[in-house]
Amino acid sequence: MMQDKEQFNLIKAIVLISVATGIVGISLGSVAASFDVPMWIPLLLSLTVLAGAAEFTFIGMIATGTNPIFAALTGILINLRHLPFGLSVATFIEKNAYRFIACHIMNDESVMFGLSQQDDQAKQKAYWMCGLGIAILWPIGVFIGYLLSKNIPDIYVFGIDAAFPAILFALILPMLKNKTTRHRVFLGSTLSLASTPLLPTGLPVLVSMLGLLLKGKLK
């Protein structure tokens, strides 16, 4: 009975975060429309890149006249956090043709939902459910946002953007029981916060990964 309840709560949480992601996608679509960016660009990004921070950055940069190649390179730099993501989920992702799809749906939320489970089967199931949910609802949100851009308010006044850090923080809490993990999280968070006033949006999170390296040198 307890296991069924936990399963239901997990599915509910995944559905909520997927819907919230779709709503943020509406914001991206509306931003692209407000800059008169052709619809195919944000829609193609939502289907192929599937990474909100990089997509927002790319749209904002090309809207201000930045070379598209430089904007794409900036988006790739922001998405470098996917390298440690891939290492962390490789232990429970199937070693077959579907691993290419698994790589595509890898994002902050699917990784955190996967890693927060107890065994490999549960991790795999949570990862796929969240990844596919976001892969479906994100482009739908972008499309709707573009179409309705002239009629919707600022999406952030509803606090949707705050849902992501709150949910991710709740998911990683059990991992903080490990002393080494706590030290690395604290050091990485400190480095990220310290660099926030100095670096463009999206880059401080990359600085936080230095916590993994520096911790080893501090031992």
N, C-alpha and C. Protein backbone atom coordinates (compact mmCIF):
# COMPACT_ATOMS: atom_id res chain seq x y z
N MET A 1 0.84 -1.20 0.00
CA MET A 1 0.00 0.00 0.00
C MET A 1 0.87 1.25 0.00
N MET A 2 1.91 1.23 0.85
CA MET A 2 2.82 2.36 0.92
C MET A 2 3.54 2.57 -0.40
N GLN A 3 3.93 1.45 -1.03
CA GLN A 3 4.62 1.53 -2.30
C GLN A 3 3.73 2.12 -3.39
N ASP A 4 2.45 1.75 -3.39
CA ASP A 4 1.50 2.30 -4.36
C ASP A 4 1.34 3.80 -4.16
N LYS A 5 1.32 4.24 -2.91
CA LYS A 5 1.18 5.67 -2.62
C LYS A 5 2.40 6.43 -3.09
N GLU A 6 3.58 5.87 -2.87
CA GLU A 6 4.81 6.52 -3.32
C GLU A 6 4.85 6.60 -4.85
N GLN A 7 4.37 5.54 -5.50
CA GLN A 7 4.33 5.54 -6.96
C GLN A 7 3.38 6.61 -7.47
N PHE A 8 2.23 6.74 -6.83
CA PHE A 8 1.26 7.76 -7.23
C PHE A 8 1.83 9.16 -7.03
N ASN A 9 2.49 9.39 -5.91
CA ASN A 9 3.09 10.69 -5.64
C ASN A 9 4.18 11.03 -6.65
N LEU A 10 4.93 10.02 -7.05
CA LEU A 10 5.98 10.23 -8.05
C LEU A 10 5.38 10.64 -9.39
N ILE A 11 4.36 9.90 -9.81
CA ILE A 11 3.70 10.21 -11.09
C ILE A 11 3.09 11.60 -11.04
N LYS A 12 2.46 11.93 -9.91
CA LYS A 12 1.85 13.26 -9.77
C LYS A 12 2.89 14.36 -9.87
N ALA A 13 4.03 14.15 -9.22
CA ALA A 13 5.10 15.15 -9.25
C ALA A 13 5.65 15.32 -10.67
N ILE A 14 5.80 14.21 -11.38
CA ILE A 14 6.31 14.27 -12.76
C ILE A 14 5.33 15.00 -13.66
N VAL A 15 4.04 14.71 -13.49
CA VAL A 15 3.02 15.39 -14.30
C VAL A 15 3.04 16.90 -14.03
N LEU A 16 3.14 17.26 -12.76
CA LEU A 16 3.14 18.68 -12.40
C LEU A 16 4.35 19.41 -12.98
N ILE A 17 5.53 18.81 -12.88
CA ILE A 17 6.72 19.47 -13.39
C ILE A 17 6.70 19.53 -14.92
N SER A 18 6.11 18.52 -15.56
CA SER A 18 6.00 18.53 -17.02
C SER A 18 5.05 19.62 -17.47
N VAL A 19 3.93 19.77 -16.77
CA VAL A 19 2.97 20.83 -17.10
C VAL A 19 3.60 22.20 -16.85
N ALA A 20 4.33 22.34 -15.73
CA ALA A 20 5.00 23.61 -15.44
C ALA A 20 6.01 23.95 -16.52
N THR A 21 6.70 22.94 -17.02
CA THR A 21 7.66 23.15 -18.10
C THR A 21 6.95 23.62 -19.36
N GLY A 22 5.80 23.03 -19.65
CA GLY A 22 5.02 23.47 -20.80
C GLY A 22 4.58 24.92 -20.68
N ILE A 23 4.26 25.34 -19.46
CA ILE A 23 3.85 26.74 -19.23
C ILE A 23 5.03 27.68 -19.45
N VAL A 24 6.21 27.28 -18.99
CA VAL A 24 7.39 28.09 -19.26
C VAL A 24 7.67 28.12 -20.76
N GLY A 25 7.35 27.02 -21.46
CA GLY A 25 7.48 27.00 -22.91
C GLY A 25 6.58 28.05 -23.55
N ILE A 26 5.42 28.29 -22.97
CA ILE A 26 4.54 29.35 -23.46
C ILE A 26 5.26 30.70 -23.38
N SER A 27 6.01 30.89 -22.30
CA SER A 27 6.76 32.12 -22.13
C SER A 27 7.81 32.27 -23.23
N LEU A 28 8.53 31.17 -23.53
CA LEU A 28 9.54 31.23 -24.58
C LEU A 28 8.91 31.56 -25.92
N GLY A 29 7.78 30.91 -26.22
CA GLY A 29 7.10 31.20 -27.48
C GLY A 29 6.67 32.64 -27.59
N SER A 30 6.18 33.21 -26.48
CA SER A 30 5.73 34.60 -26.50
C SER A 30 6.90 35.57 -26.64
N VAL A 31 8.03 35.22 -26.01
CA VAL A 31 9.23 36.05 -26.14
C VAL A 31 9.71 36.08 -27.59
N ALA A 32 9.74 34.90 -28.21
CA ALA A 32 10.16 34.81 -29.61
C ALA A 32 9.24 35.63 -30.51
N ALA A 33 7.95 35.54 -30.26
CA ALA A 33 6.98 36.30 -31.08
C ALA A 33 7.14 37.80 -30.86
N SER A 34 7.42 38.21 -29.63
CA SER A 34 7.57 39.64 -29.34
C SER A 34 8.78 40.23 -30.05
N PHE A 35 9.79 39.39 -30.34
CA PHE A 35 10.97 39.85 -31.08
C PHE A 35 10.81 39.64 -32.58
N ASP A 36 9.61 39.19 -32.99
CA ASP A 36 9.33 38.92 -34.40
C ASP A 36 10.27 37.85 -34.98
N VAL A 37 10.68 36.91 -34.14
CA VAL A 37 11.46 35.77 -34.61
C VAL A 37 10.51 34.80 -35.31
N PRO A 38 10.83 34.32 -36.51
CA PRO A 38 9.94 33.39 -37.21
C PRO A 38 9.58 32.19 -36.34
N MET A 39 8.34 31.73 -36.45
CA MET A 39 7.86 30.66 -35.59
C MET A 39 8.70 29.40 -35.69
N TRP A 40 9.20 29.09 -36.87
CA TRP A 40 9.91 27.83 -37.06
C TRP A 40 11.17 27.74 -36.21
N ILE A 41 11.76 28.89 -35.86
CA ILE A 41 13.00 28.87 -35.09
C ILE A 41 12.77 28.37 -33.66
N PRO A 42 11.87 29.01 -32.86
CA PRO A 42 11.65 28.49 -31.51
C PRO A 42 11.04 27.09 -31.51
N LEU A 43 10.22 26.79 -32.50
CA LEU A 43 9.60 25.47 -32.57
C LEU A 43 10.65 24.40 -32.87
N LEU A 44 11.55 24.70 -33.79
CA LEU A 44 12.62 23.74 -34.11
C LEU A 44 13.55 23.55 -32.91
N LEU A 45 13.85 24.65 -32.21
CA LEU A 45 14.69 24.56 -31.02
C LEU A 45 14.05 23.68 -29.95
N SER A 46 12.74 23.87 -29.77
CA SER A 46 12.04 23.11 -28.72
C SER A 46 12.01 21.62 -29.01
N LEU A 47 12.08 21.26 -30.28
CA LEU A 47 12.04 19.84 -30.66
C LEU A 47 13.43 19.21 -30.67
N THR A 48 14.44 19.99 -31.00
CA THR A 48 15.78 19.43 -31.19
C THR A 48 16.74 19.71 -30.02
N VAL A 49 16.66 20.90 -29.44
CA VAL A 49 17.57 21.26 -28.34
C VAL A 49 17.02 20.79 -27.01
N LEU A 50 15.76 21.10 -26.76
CA LEU A 50 15.06 20.65 -25.55
C LEU A 50 15.82 21.07 -24.28
N ALA A 51 16.23 22.33 -24.24
CA ALA A 51 16.94 22.87 -23.07
C ALA A 51 16.56 24.35 -22.94
N GLY A 52 15.73 24.64 -21.95
CA GLY A 52 15.14 25.97 -21.85
C GLY A 52 16.13 27.11 -21.77
N ALA A 53 17.14 27.01 -20.89
CA ALA A 53 18.09 28.11 -20.71
C ALA A 53 18.82 28.43 -22.00
N ALA A 54 19.26 27.39 -22.69
CA ALA A 54 19.97 27.60 -23.96
C ALA A 54 19.06 28.21 -25.02
N GLU A 55 17.80 27.79 -25.03
CA GLU A 55 16.86 28.31 -26.03
C GLU A 55 16.52 29.77 -25.77
N PHE A 56 16.27 30.13 -24.50
CA PHE A 56 16.01 31.52 -24.16
C PHE A 56 17.20 32.39 -24.55
N THR A 57 18.41 31.90 -24.26
CA THR A 57 19.62 32.65 -24.59
C THR A 57 19.77 32.84 -26.09
N PHE A 58 19.55 31.76 -26.84
CA PHE A 58 19.69 31.83 -28.29
C PHE A 58 18.69 32.81 -28.89
N ILE A 59 17.42 32.71 -28.48
CA ILE A 59 16.40 33.61 -29.01
C ILE A 59 16.73 35.07 -28.68
N GLY A 60 17.14 35.32 -27.43
CA GLY A 60 17.47 36.69 -27.03
C GLY A 60 18.64 37.25 -27.80
N MET A 61 19.63 36.41 -28.06
CA MET A 61 20.83 36.89 -28.75
C MET A 61 20.57 37.17 -30.22
N ILE A 62 19.87 36.28 -30.91
CA ILE A 62 19.62 36.54 -32.33
C ILE A 62 18.63 37.68 -32.51
N ALA A 63 17.75 37.89 -31.51
CA ALA A 63 16.80 39.00 -31.58
C ALA A 63 17.51 40.35 -31.49
N THR A 64 18.66 40.37 -30.84
CA THR A 64 19.43 41.62 -30.71
C THR A 64 20.51 41.73 -31.77
N GLY A 65 20.48 40.84 -32.76
CA GLY A 65 21.39 40.96 -33.89
C GLY A 65 22.67 40.17 -33.80
N THR A 66 22.80 39.30 -32.80
CA THR A 66 24.00 38.49 -32.65
C THR A 66 24.08 37.45 -33.76
N ASN A 67 25.30 37.16 -34.19
CA ASN A 67 25.51 36.11 -35.19
C ASN A 67 24.93 34.79 -34.67
N PRO A 68 24.10 34.10 -35.47
CA PRO A 68 23.48 32.85 -35.01
C PRO A 68 24.48 31.79 -34.58
N ILE A 69 25.64 31.75 -35.24
CA ILE A 69 26.65 30.75 -34.87
C ILE A 69 27.17 31.02 -33.46
N PHE A 70 27.45 32.31 -33.17
CA PHE A 70 27.93 32.67 -31.84
C PHE A 70 26.85 32.40 -30.80
N ALA A 71 25.58 32.67 -31.15
CA ALA A 71 24.47 32.40 -30.23
C ALA A 71 24.36 30.91 -29.94
N ALA A 72 24.57 30.09 -30.98
CA ALA A 72 24.50 28.64 -30.80
C ALA A 72 25.65 28.14 -29.92
N LEU A 73 26.84 28.69 -30.11
CA LEU A 73 27.98 28.31 -29.29
C LEU A 73 27.77 28.68 -27.83
N THR A 74 27.14 29.82 -27.60
CA THR A 74 26.82 30.23 -26.24
C THR A 74 25.85 29.26 -25.60
N GLY A 75 24.85 28.84 -26.38
CA GLY A 75 23.89 27.85 -25.87
C GLY A 75 24.55 26.54 -25.54
N ILE A 76 25.52 26.12 -26.37
CA ILE A 76 26.26 24.88 -26.09
C ILE A 76 27.05 25.01 -24.80
N LEU A 77 27.65 26.18 -24.59
CA LEU A 77 28.42 26.42 -23.37
C LEU A 77 27.53 26.31 -22.14
N ILE A 78 26.34 26.89 -22.23
CA ILE A 78 25.40 26.81 -21.10
C ILE A 78 25.00 25.36 -20.82
N ASN A 79 24.92 24.57 -21.88
CA ASN A 79 24.47 23.19 -21.73
C ASN A 79 25.60 22.21 -21.41
N LEU A 80 26.78 22.71 -21.08
CA LEU A 80 27.87 21.81 -20.72
C LEU A 80 27.58 21.01 -19.46
N ARG A 81 26.61 21.47 -18.67
CA ARG A 81 26.24 20.70 -17.48
C ARG A 81 25.70 19.33 -17.84
N HIS A 82 25.32 19.13 -19.10
CA HIS A 82 24.82 17.82 -19.52
C HIS A 82 25.92 16.76 -19.54
N LEU A 83 27.18 17.19 -19.54
CA LEU A 83 28.27 16.22 -19.49
C LEU A 83 28.25 15.42 -18.17
N PRO A 84 28.25 16.10 -17.00
CA PRO A 84 28.12 15.32 -15.76
C PRO A 84 26.77 14.65 -15.62
N PHE A 85 25.72 15.25 -16.21
CA PHE A 85 24.41 14.60 -16.20
C PHE A 85 24.51 13.23 -16.85
N GLY A 86 25.15 13.19 -18.03
CA GLY A 86 25.27 11.93 -18.76
C GLY A 86 26.01 10.87 -17.98
N LEU A 87 27.06 11.29 -17.28
CA LEU A 87 27.83 10.35 -16.46
C LEU A 87 26.98 9.80 -15.32
N SER A 88 26.13 10.64 -14.76
CA SER A 88 25.35 10.23 -13.60
C SER A 88 24.21 9.27 -13.96
N VAL A 89 23.65 9.41 -15.16
CA VAL A 89 22.52 8.55 -15.53
C VAL A 89 22.96 7.33 -16.33
N ALA A 90 24.23 7.27 -16.72
CA ALA A 90 24.70 6.16 -17.55
C ALA A 90 24.56 4.81 -16.85
N THR A 91 24.53 4.83 -15.53
CA THR A 91 24.47 3.57 -14.77
C THR A 91 23.13 2.87 -14.88
N PHE A 92 22.06 3.62 -15.19
CA PHE A 92 20.76 2.96 -15.25
C PHE A 92 20.02 3.14 -16.58
N ILE A 93 20.67 3.70 -17.58
CA ILE A 93 20.08 3.82 -18.91
C ILE A 93 20.41 2.58 -19.73
N GLU A 94 19.42 2.09 -20.48
CA GLU A 94 19.61 0.86 -21.26
C GLU A 94 20.74 1.04 -22.27
N LYS A 95 21.51 -0.01 -22.46
CA LYS A 95 22.59 0.01 -23.45
C LYS A 95 22.08 -0.58 -24.77
N ASN A 96 21.11 0.11 -25.37
CA ASN A 96 20.58 -0.32 -26.65
C ASN A 96 20.28 0.91 -27.50
N ALA A 97 19.55 0.71 -28.61
CA ALA A 97 19.29 1.82 -29.53
C ALA A 97 18.52 2.95 -28.88
N TYR A 98 17.75 2.66 -27.84
CA TYR A 98 16.95 3.68 -27.18
C TYR A 98 17.79 4.67 -26.38
N ARG A 99 19.08 4.36 -26.18
CA ARG A 99 19.92 5.25 -25.39
C ARG A 99 20.08 6.60 -26.08
N PHE A 100 19.93 6.63 -27.42
CA PHE A 100 20.04 7.89 -28.14
C PHE A 100 18.84 8.79 -27.82
N ILE A 101 17.67 8.18 -27.68
CA ILE A 101 16.48 8.94 -27.26
C ILE A 101 16.65 9.38 -25.81
N ALA A 102 17.21 8.48 -24.99
CA ALA A 102 17.45 8.81 -23.58
C ALA A 102 18.36 10.02 -23.45
N CYS A 103 19.35 10.11 -24.31
CA CYS A 103 20.25 11.27 -24.30
C CYS A 103 19.49 12.55 -24.67
N HIS A 104 18.59 12.44 -25.62
CA HIS A 104 17.86 13.62 -26.08
C HIS A 104 16.93 14.17 -25.00
N ILE A 105 16.32 13.30 -24.21
CA ILE A 105 15.36 13.77 -23.20
C ILE A 105 16.05 14.05 -21.86
N MET A 106 17.37 14.07 -21.86
CA MET A 106 18.10 14.35 -20.62
C MET A 106 18.06 15.84 -20.30
N ASN A 107 17.53 16.18 -19.16
CA ASN A 107 17.48 17.56 -18.71
C ASN A 107 17.54 17.59 -17.18
N ASP A 108 17.53 18.78 -16.61
CA ASP A 108 17.65 18.92 -15.16
C ASP A 108 16.61 18.07 -14.42
N GLU A 109 15.36 18.17 -14.90
CA GLU A 109 14.27 17.51 -14.19
C GLU A 109 14.31 16.00 -14.31
N SER A 110 14.51 15.49 -15.53
CA SER A 110 14.52 14.04 -15.71
C SER A 110 15.69 13.40 -14.96
N VAL A 111 16.84 14.08 -14.94
CA VAL A 111 18.00 13.56 -14.22
C VAL A 111 17.73 13.52 -12.72
N MET A 112 17.15 14.59 -12.18
CA MET A 112 16.90 14.64 -10.75
C MET A 112 15.84 13.63 -10.32
N PHE A 113 14.79 13.48 -11.13
CA PHE A 113 13.78 12.48 -10.80
C PHE A 113 14.37 11.08 -10.85
N GLY A 114 15.24 10.83 -11.83
CA GLY A 114 15.85 9.52 -11.94
C GLY A 114 16.77 9.22 -10.76
N LEU A 115 17.66 10.16 -10.46
CA LEU A 115 18.64 9.93 -9.40
C LEU A 115 18.02 9.86 -8.01
N SER A 116 16.83 10.43 -7.85
CA SER A 116 16.21 10.45 -6.52
C SER A 116 15.55 9.13 -6.14
N GLN A 117 15.49 8.17 -7.10
CA GLN A 117 14.86 6.88 -6.81
C GLN A 117 15.88 5.91 -6.19
N GLN A 118 15.38 4.81 -5.64
CA GLN A 118 16.21 3.91 -4.85
C GLN A 118 16.96 2.86 -5.67
N ASP A 119 16.32 2.28 -6.68
CA ASP A 119 16.97 1.22 -7.45
C ASP A 119 16.99 1.57 -8.93
N ASP A 120 17.79 0.84 -9.70
CA ASP A 120 17.99 1.18 -11.10
C ASP A 120 16.71 1.13 -11.92
N GLN A 121 15.85 0.16 -11.62
CA GLN A 121 14.59 0.06 -12.37
C GLN A 121 13.70 1.26 -12.12
N ALA A 122 13.59 1.67 -10.86
CA ALA A 122 12.78 2.84 -10.53
C ALA A 122 13.41 4.12 -11.10
N LYS A 123 14.73 4.21 -11.07
CA LYS A 123 15.43 5.37 -11.64
C LYS A 123 15.15 5.49 -13.13
N GLN A 124 15.25 4.36 -13.81
CA GLN A 124 15.02 4.33 -15.25
C GLN A 124 13.58 4.75 -15.59
N LYS A 125 12.64 4.23 -14.84
CA LYS A 125 11.23 4.53 -15.10
C LYS A 125 10.93 6.01 -14.87
N ALA A 126 11.42 6.57 -13.76
CA ALA A 126 11.18 7.98 -13.46
C ALA A 126 11.85 8.88 -14.50
N TYR A 127 13.05 8.50 -14.89
CA TYR A 127 13.80 9.28 -15.89
C TYR A 127 13.03 9.36 -17.21
N TRP A 128 12.57 8.22 -17.69
CA TRP A 128 11.85 8.18 -18.96
C TRP A 128 10.51 8.91 -18.87
N MET A 129 9.79 8.73 -17.78
CA MET A 129 8.49 9.38 -17.64
C MET A 129 8.64 10.90 -17.69
N CYS A 130 9.59 11.42 -16.91
CA CYS A 130 9.77 12.87 -16.87
C CYS A 130 10.34 13.39 -18.18
N GLY A 131 11.33 12.69 -18.72
CA GLY A 131 11.95 13.13 -19.97
C GLY A 131 10.96 13.19 -21.12
N LEU A 132 10.14 12.16 -21.26
CA LEU A 132 9.16 12.13 -22.35
C LEU A 132 8.05 13.16 -22.12
N GLY A 133 7.64 13.32 -20.84
CA GLY A 133 6.62 14.32 -20.53
C GLY A 133 7.04 15.71 -20.94
N ILE A 134 8.28 16.06 -20.62
CA ILE A 134 8.80 17.38 -20.99
C ILE A 134 9.02 17.49 -22.49
N ALA A 135 9.50 16.41 -23.11
CA ALA A 135 9.73 16.42 -24.55
C ALA A 135 8.44 16.66 -25.33
N ILE A 136 7.31 16.26 -24.76
CA ILE A 136 6.01 16.47 -25.43
C ILE A 136 5.44 17.84 -25.11
N LEU A 137 5.43 18.22 -23.83
CA LEU A 137 4.74 19.44 -23.42
C LEU A 137 5.55 20.71 -23.68
N TRP A 138 6.87 20.61 -23.73
CA TRP A 138 7.67 21.81 -23.98
C TRP A 138 7.41 22.41 -25.37
N PRO A 139 7.52 21.65 -26.47
CA PRO A 139 7.23 22.24 -27.77
C PRO A 139 5.77 22.66 -27.93
N ILE A 140 4.87 21.94 -27.28
CA ILE A 140 3.46 22.34 -27.33
C ILE A 140 3.29 23.72 -26.68
N GLY A 141 3.95 23.91 -25.55
CA GLY A 141 3.90 25.19 -24.87
C GLY A 141 4.49 26.31 -25.70
N VAL A 142 5.62 26.04 -26.34
CA VAL A 142 6.26 27.04 -27.19
C VAL A 142 5.33 27.44 -28.34
N PHE A 143 4.68 26.46 -28.95
CA PHE A 143 3.77 26.73 -30.07
C PHE A 143 2.58 27.56 -29.62
N ILE A 144 1.98 27.18 -28.50
CA ILE A 144 0.83 27.93 -27.98
C ILE A 144 1.24 29.35 -27.60
N GLY A 145 2.40 29.49 -26.96
CA GLY A 145 2.87 30.80 -26.55
C GLY A 145 3.09 31.73 -27.72
N TYR A 146 3.61 31.18 -28.81
CA TYR A 146 3.83 32.00 -30.00
C TYR A 146 2.51 32.49 -30.58
N LEU A 147 1.54 31.58 -30.63
CA LEU A 147 0.24 31.94 -31.22
C LEU A 147 -0.51 32.97 -30.36
N LEU A 148 -0.38 32.87 -29.06
CA LEU A 148 -1.15 33.71 -28.15
C LEU A 148 -0.33 34.85 -27.54
N SER A 149 0.83 35.14 -28.13
CA SER A 149 1.77 36.07 -27.53
C SER A 149 1.17 37.46 -27.27
N LYS A 150 0.24 37.86 -28.07
CA LYS A 150 -0.32 39.20 -27.92
C LYS A 150 -1.42 39.26 -26.86
N ASN A 151 -1.81 38.09 -26.33
CA ASN A 151 -2.96 38.05 -25.42
C ASN A 151 -2.66 37.50 -24.04
N ILE A 152 -1.40 37.12 -23.75
CA ILE A 152 -1.09 36.56 -22.43
C ILE A 152 -0.23 37.51 -21.62
N PRO A 153 -0.39 37.50 -20.31
CA PRO A 153 0.42 38.37 -19.45
C PRO A 153 1.82 37.79 -19.25
N ASP A 154 2.62 38.49 -18.50
CA ASP A 154 3.95 38.01 -18.14
C ASP A 154 3.78 36.73 -17.31
N ILE A 155 4.28 35.61 -17.85
CA ILE A 155 4.05 34.32 -17.21
C ILE A 155 4.71 34.22 -15.85
N TYR A 156 5.77 35.00 -15.63
CA TYR A 156 6.54 34.88 -14.39
C TYR A 156 5.84 35.50 -13.19
N VAL A 157 4.78 36.30 -13.41
CA VAL A 157 4.06 36.87 -12.26
C VAL A 157 3.33 35.77 -11.49
N PHE A 158 3.15 34.60 -12.10
CA PHE A 158 2.49 33.49 -11.43
C PHE A 158 3.48 32.63 -10.63
N GLY A 159 4.76 32.96 -10.71
CA GLY A 159 5.75 32.23 -9.94
C GLY A 159 6.09 30.87 -10.50
N ILE A 160 5.77 30.62 -11.77
CA ILE A 160 6.05 29.32 -12.37
C ILE A 160 7.55 29.05 -12.39
N ASP A 161 8.35 30.10 -12.61
CA ASP A 161 9.80 29.91 -12.69
C ASP A 161 10.38 29.44 -11.36
N ALA A 162 9.68 29.76 -10.26
CA ALA A 162 10.17 29.35 -8.94
C ALA A 162 9.89 27.87 -8.66
N ALA A 163 9.00 27.27 -9.45
CA ALA A 163 8.66 25.86 -9.21
C ALA A 163 9.84 24.95 -9.48
N PHE A 164 10.65 25.28 -10.48
CA PHE A 164 11.76 24.41 -10.86
C PHE A 164 12.82 24.29 -9.77
N PRO A 165 13.39 25.40 -9.29
CA PRO A 165 14.39 25.24 -8.23
C PRO A 165 13.82 24.61 -6.96
N ALA A 166 12.55 24.90 -6.65
CA ALA A 166 11.95 24.33 -5.44
C ALA A 166 11.82 22.82 -5.55
N ILE A 167 11.36 22.34 -6.69
CA ILE A 167 11.18 20.90 -6.88
C ILE A 167 12.53 20.19 -6.95
N LEU A 168 13.48 20.77 -7.67
CA LEU A 168 14.80 20.14 -7.77
C LEU A 168 15.49 20.09 -6.42
N PHE A 169 15.32 21.14 -5.61
CA PHE A 169 15.92 21.14 -4.28
C PHE A 169 15.32 20.04 -3.42
N ALA A 170 13.99 19.86 -3.52
CA ALA A 170 13.33 18.81 -2.75
C ALA A 170 13.81 17.43 -3.19
N LEU A 171 14.11 17.27 -4.47
CA LEU A 171 14.54 15.97 -4.98
C LEU A 171 15.96 15.60 -4.53
N ILE A 172 16.82 16.61 -4.38
CA ILE A 172 18.21 16.30 -4.02
C ILE A 172 18.42 16.23 -2.51
N LEU A 173 17.43 16.62 -1.72
CA LEU A 173 17.59 16.60 -0.27
C LEU A 173 18.05 15.25 0.28
N PRO A 174 17.47 14.12 -0.16
CA PRO A 174 17.93 12.83 0.37
C PRO A 174 19.41 12.56 0.10
N MET A 175 19.94 13.10 -1.01
CA MET A 175 21.34 12.88 -1.35
C MET A 175 22.29 13.62 -0.41
N LEU A 176 21.77 14.64 0.28
CA LEU A 176 22.62 15.44 1.16
C LEU A 176 22.95 14.72 2.47
N LYS A 177 22.42 13.54 2.66
CA LYS A 177 22.77 12.76 3.84
C LYS A 177 24.24 12.33 3.79
N ASN A 178 24.77 12.24 2.58
CA ASN A 178 26.17 11.86 2.40
C ASN A 178 27.06 13.09 2.65
N LYS A 179 28.06 12.93 3.54
CA LYS A 179 28.90 14.05 3.94
C LYS A 179 29.69 14.64 2.76
N THR A 180 30.26 13.79 1.94
CA THR A 180 31.04 14.26 0.79
C THR A 180 30.16 15.03 -0.18
N THR A 181 28.94 14.51 -0.41
CA THR A 181 28.00 15.20 -1.29
C THR A 181 27.63 16.57 -0.74
N ARG A 182 27.41 16.66 0.58
CA ARG A 182 27.07 17.94 1.19
C ARG A 182 28.19 18.96 0.98
N HIS A 183 29.43 18.52 1.18
CA HIS A 183 30.56 19.43 1.02
C HIS A 183 30.66 19.94 -0.42
N ARG A 184 30.46 19.04 -1.36
CA ARG A 184 30.56 19.43 -2.76
C ARG A 184 29.41 20.36 -3.17
N VAL A 185 28.22 20.07 -2.66
CA VAL A 185 27.07 20.93 -2.95
C VAL A 185 27.28 22.32 -2.37
N PHE A 186 27.76 22.39 -1.14
CA PHE A 186 27.99 23.68 -0.50
C PHE A 186 29.05 24.48 -1.24
N LEU A 187 30.15 23.83 -1.60
CA LEU A 187 31.22 24.52 -2.30
C LEU A 187 30.78 24.97 -3.69
N GLY A 188 30.08 24.08 -4.42
CA GLY A 188 29.60 24.42 -5.74
C GLY A 188 28.58 25.56 -5.70
N SER A 189 27.68 25.53 -4.73
CA SER A 189 26.68 26.59 -4.59
C SER A 189 27.34 27.93 -4.28
N THR A 190 28.35 27.90 -3.41
CA THR A 190 29.06 29.12 -3.05
C THR A 190 29.76 29.74 -4.27
N LEU A 191 30.42 28.89 -5.04
CA LEU A 191 31.10 29.37 -6.25
C LEU A 191 30.11 29.94 -7.26
N SER A 192 28.97 29.27 -7.39
CA SER A 192 27.95 29.72 -8.34
C SER A 192 27.37 31.07 -7.93
N LEU A 193 27.04 31.23 -6.64
CA LEU A 193 26.48 32.50 -6.16
C LEU A 193 27.50 33.62 -6.28
N ALA A 194 28.77 33.32 -5.99
CA ALA A 194 29.80 34.35 -6.06
C ALA A 194 30.03 34.83 -7.49
N SER A 195 29.83 33.95 -8.45
CA SER A 195 30.07 34.32 -9.85
C SER A 195 28.85 34.91 -10.55
N THR A 196 27.68 34.81 -9.90
CA THR A 196 26.44 35.30 -10.53
C THR A 196 26.51 36.76 -10.96
N PRO A 197 27.03 37.69 -10.13
CA PRO A 197 27.10 39.10 -10.58
C PRO A 197 28.11 39.33 -11.69
N LEU A 198 28.98 38.37 -11.93
CA LEU A 198 30.09 38.58 -12.87
C LEU A 198 29.89 37.92 -14.22
N LEU A 199 29.02 36.91 -14.28
CA LEU A 199 28.87 36.13 -15.51
C LEU A 199 27.46 36.24 -16.08
N PRO A 200 27.30 36.00 -17.40
CA PRO A 200 25.97 36.01 -18.01
C PRO A 200 25.09 34.90 -17.46
N THR A 201 23.79 35.06 -17.63
CA THR A 201 22.83 34.06 -17.16
C THR A 201 23.14 32.69 -17.76
N GLY A 202 23.12 31.67 -16.91
CA GLY A 202 23.36 30.32 -17.36
C GLY A 202 24.77 29.81 -17.12
N LEU A 203 25.74 30.71 -17.00
CA LEU A 203 27.13 30.29 -16.81
C LEU A 203 27.50 30.00 -15.35
N PRO A 204 26.92 30.69 -14.35
CA PRO A 204 27.28 30.37 -12.96
C PRO A 204 27.06 28.92 -12.59
N VAL A 205 26.05 28.28 -13.19
CA VAL A 205 25.80 26.87 -12.88
C VAL A 205 26.97 26.00 -13.34
N LEU A 206 27.66 26.43 -14.40
CA LEU A 206 28.84 25.70 -14.85
C LEU A 206 29.98 25.87 -13.86
N VAL A 207 30.10 27.06 -13.27
CA VAL A 207 31.14 27.32 -12.28
C VAL A 207 30.95 26.41 -11.07
N SER A 208 29.68 26.11 -10.74
CA SER A 208 29.41 25.28 -9.57
C SER A 208 30.03 23.90 -9.70
N MET A 209 30.24 23.43 -10.94
CA MET A 209 30.83 22.10 -11.13
C MET A 209 32.28 22.05 -10.68
N LEU A 210 32.92 23.23 -10.52
CA LEU A 210 34.28 23.25 -10.01
C LEU A 210 34.34 22.70 -8.59
N GLY A 211 33.20 22.72 -7.92
CA GLY A 211 33.14 22.18 -6.57
C GLY A 211 33.54 20.71 -6.53
N LEU A 212 33.27 19.98 -7.61
CA LEU A 212 33.64 18.57 -7.68
C LEU A 212 35.16 18.40 -7.72
N LEU A 213 35.83 19.33 -8.42
CA LEU A 213 37.28 19.23 -8.57
C LEU A 213 38.01 19.77 -7.35
N LEU A 214 37.56 20.94 -6.87
CA LEU A 214 38.24 21.59 -5.77
C LEU A 214 38.12 20.79 -4.49
N LYS A 215 36.97 20.11 -4.30
CA LYS A 215 36.79 19.31 -3.10
C LYS A 215 37.86 18.24 -2.99
N GLY A 216 38.20 17.66 -4.12
CA GLY A 216 39.23 16.63 -4.11
C GLY A 216 40.58 17.20 -3.70
N LYS A 217 40.86 18.44 -4.07
CA LYS A 217 42.13 19.05 -3.74
C LYS A 217 42.19 19.55 -2.32
N LEU A 218 40.98 19.73 -1.72
CA LEU A 218 40.95 20.22 -0.35
C LEU A 218 41.13 19.11 0.66
N LYS A 219 41.02 17.86 0.23
CA LYS A 219 41.12 16.73 1.15
C LYS A 219 42.55 16.63 1.71
